[in-house]
Amino acid sequence: MKKYYLDRSRRQIAKAVIRLEYENRKAGKKLTTFDKKIAAAVATANEEIEREAMLPDDIVDKIRINILDGVTWENIGETYCSRETFYRYSRKYCFFVARALGMTDNKRRPHG
């Protein structure tokens, strides 16, 4: 099994969770218990991707733009990494969100 692997349906759910967290934050509405869990999962994923991949905030922001708006690597601007690396980071980010929500059975941190 590959590191940071999510099947297609779990990856789609993780992306939907990221979009929902963004919409909740943007709307500024009162959060339900589920919304608070989502916000905590995305915050945890942000910390993990910055710590594990040592990514600067601007790259994480561009990954989020890719997930939220569907902007491709080619159209997103300067990422200072290759296309393959960018999408690998995006998959890791989705994996960290899914793991924070308990959607994966991988409880320990992946090696490498």
Protein backbone atom coordinates (compact mmCIF):
# COMPACT_ATOMS: atom_id res chain seq x y z
CA MET A 1 0.00 0.00 0.00
CA LYS A 2 1.29 3.43 -0.92
CA LYS A 3 1.94 6.05 1.71
CA TYR A 4 -0.79 8.64 2.07
CA TYR A 5 -3.17 6.54 -0.04
CA LEU A 6 -6.89 7.22 -0.02
CA ASP A 7 -9.33 5.54 -2.33
CA ARG A 8 -11.32 7.79 -4.63
CA SER A 9 -14.43 8.08 -2.47
CA ARG A 10 -12.49 8.95 0.70
CA ARG A 11 -10.42 11.50 -1.22
CA GLN A 12 -13.63 13.11 -2.53
CA ILE A 13 -15.04 13.24 1.01
CA ALA A 14 -11.83 14.83 2.31
CA LYS A 15 -12.01 17.47 -0.41
CA ALA A 16 -15.68 18.11 0.39
CA VAL A 17 -14.77 18.52 4.06
CA ILE A 18 -12.11 21.09 3.15
CA ARG A 19 -14.66 22.99 1.04
CA LEU A 20 -17.25 22.86 3.83
CA GLU A 21 -14.77 24.18 6.39
CA TYR A 22 -13.91 27.06 4.07
CA GLU A 23 -17.57 27.92 3.48
CA ASN A 24 -18.31 27.82 7.22
CA ARG A 25 -15.35 30.06 8.00
CA LYS A 26 -16.27 32.49 5.21
CA ALA A 27 -19.93 32.67 6.25
CA GLY A 28 -19.07 33.24 9.90
CA LYS A 29 -22.15 31.34 10.99
CA LYS A 30 -22.58 29.58 14.31
CA LEU A 31 -20.84 26.21 14.10
CA THR A 32 -22.46 22.91 14.92
CA THR A 33 -20.56 20.14 16.68
CA PHE A 34 -19.84 18.54 13.31
CA ASP A 35 -18.59 21.85 11.89
CA LYS A 36 -16.24 22.23 14.87
CA LYS A 37 -14.89 18.72 14.26
CA ILE A 38 -14.30 19.58 10.61
CA ALA A 39 -12.52 22.83 11.52
CA ALA A 40 -10.29 20.96 13.97
CA ALA A 41 -9.49 18.29 11.36
CA VAL A 42 -8.49 20.88 8.75
CA ALA A 43 -6.39 22.77 11.32
CA THR A 44 -4.65 19.52 12.25
CA ALA A 45 -4.02 18.75 8.58
CA ASN A 46 -2.58 22.24 8.05
CA GLU A 47 -0.15 21.72 10.93
CA GLU A 48 0.83 18.22 9.78
CA ILE A 49 1.46 19.16 6.14
CA GLU A 50 3.58 22.14 7.20
CA ARG A 51 5.53 20.02 9.70
CA GLU A 52 5.97 16.81 7.69
CA ALA A 53 6.60 18.29 4.28
CA MET A 54 8.12 21.52 5.64
CA LEU A 55 5.92 23.50 3.28
CA PRO A 56 5.62 27.25 3.54
CA ASP A 57 2.15 28.71 4.06
CA ASP A 58 1.89 29.98 0.49
CA ILE A 59 2.21 26.45 -0.94
CA VAL A 60 -0.44 25.17 1.48
CA ASP A 61 -2.67 28.07 0.41
CA LYS A 62 -2.18 27.11 -3.24
CA ILE A 63 -3.04 23.49 -2.45
CA ARG A 64 -6.22 24.73 -0.80
CA ILE A 65 -7.00 26.89 -3.86
CA ASN A 66 -6.53 23.81 -6.03
CA ILE A 67 -8.96 21.83 -3.87
CA LEU A 68 -11.50 24.61 -3.30
CA ASP A 69 -11.69 26.08 -6.79
CA GLY A 70 -10.27 23.32 -8.96
CA VAL A 71 -7.47 25.54 -10.28
CA THR A 72 -4.84 23.33 -11.85
CA TRP A 73 -1.11 23.50 -11.16
CA GLU A 74 -0.56 25.03 -14.58
CA ASN A 75 -2.88 27.97 -13.79
CA ILE A 76 -2.18 28.50 -10.11
CA GLY A 77 0.98 30.57 -10.43
CA GLU A 78 4.41 30.10 -8.90
CA THR A 79 4.49 27.04 -6.68
CA TYR A 80 8.27 26.55 -6.74
CA CYS A 81 7.79 22.81 -7.13
CA SER A 82 7.07 20.46 -9.98
CA ARG A 83 3.58 19.41 -11.01
CA GLU A 84 4.07 15.90 -9.64
CA THR A 85 5.34 17.21 -6.31
CA PHE A 86 2.45 19.66 -6.02
CA TYR A 87 -0.16 16.96 -6.51
CA ARG A 88 1.71 14.64 -4.13
CA TYR A 89 1.44 17.36 -1.48
CA SER A 90 -2.25 17.72 -2.30
CA ARG A 91 -2.79 13.99 -1.77
CA LYS A 92 -0.92 14.17 1.53
CA TYR A 93 -3.08 17.06 2.64
CA CYS A 94 -6.27 15.14 1.85
CA PHE A 95 -4.84 12.11 3.66
CA PHE A 96 -4.14 14.21 6.77
CA VAL A 97 -7.69 15.59 6.75
CA ALA A 98 -9.12 12.08 6.37
CA ARG A 99 -6.90 10.73 9.15
CA ALA A 100 -7.91 13.57 11.48
CA LEU A 101 -11.56 12.65 10.87
CA GLY A 102 -10.92 8.96 11.47
CA MET A 103 -11.64 7.96 7.86
CA THR A 104 -8.50 5.85 7.55
CA ASP A 105 -7.37 2.94 9.65
CA ASN A 106 -3.77 4.18 9.59
CA LYS A 107 -3.47 5.43 13.18
CA ARG A 108 0.27 5.88 13.21
CA ARG A 109 2.22 8.34 11.15
CA PRO A 110 3.49 7.01 7.81
CA HIS A 111 7.21 6.55 7.41
CA GLY A 112 9.28 8.69 5.08
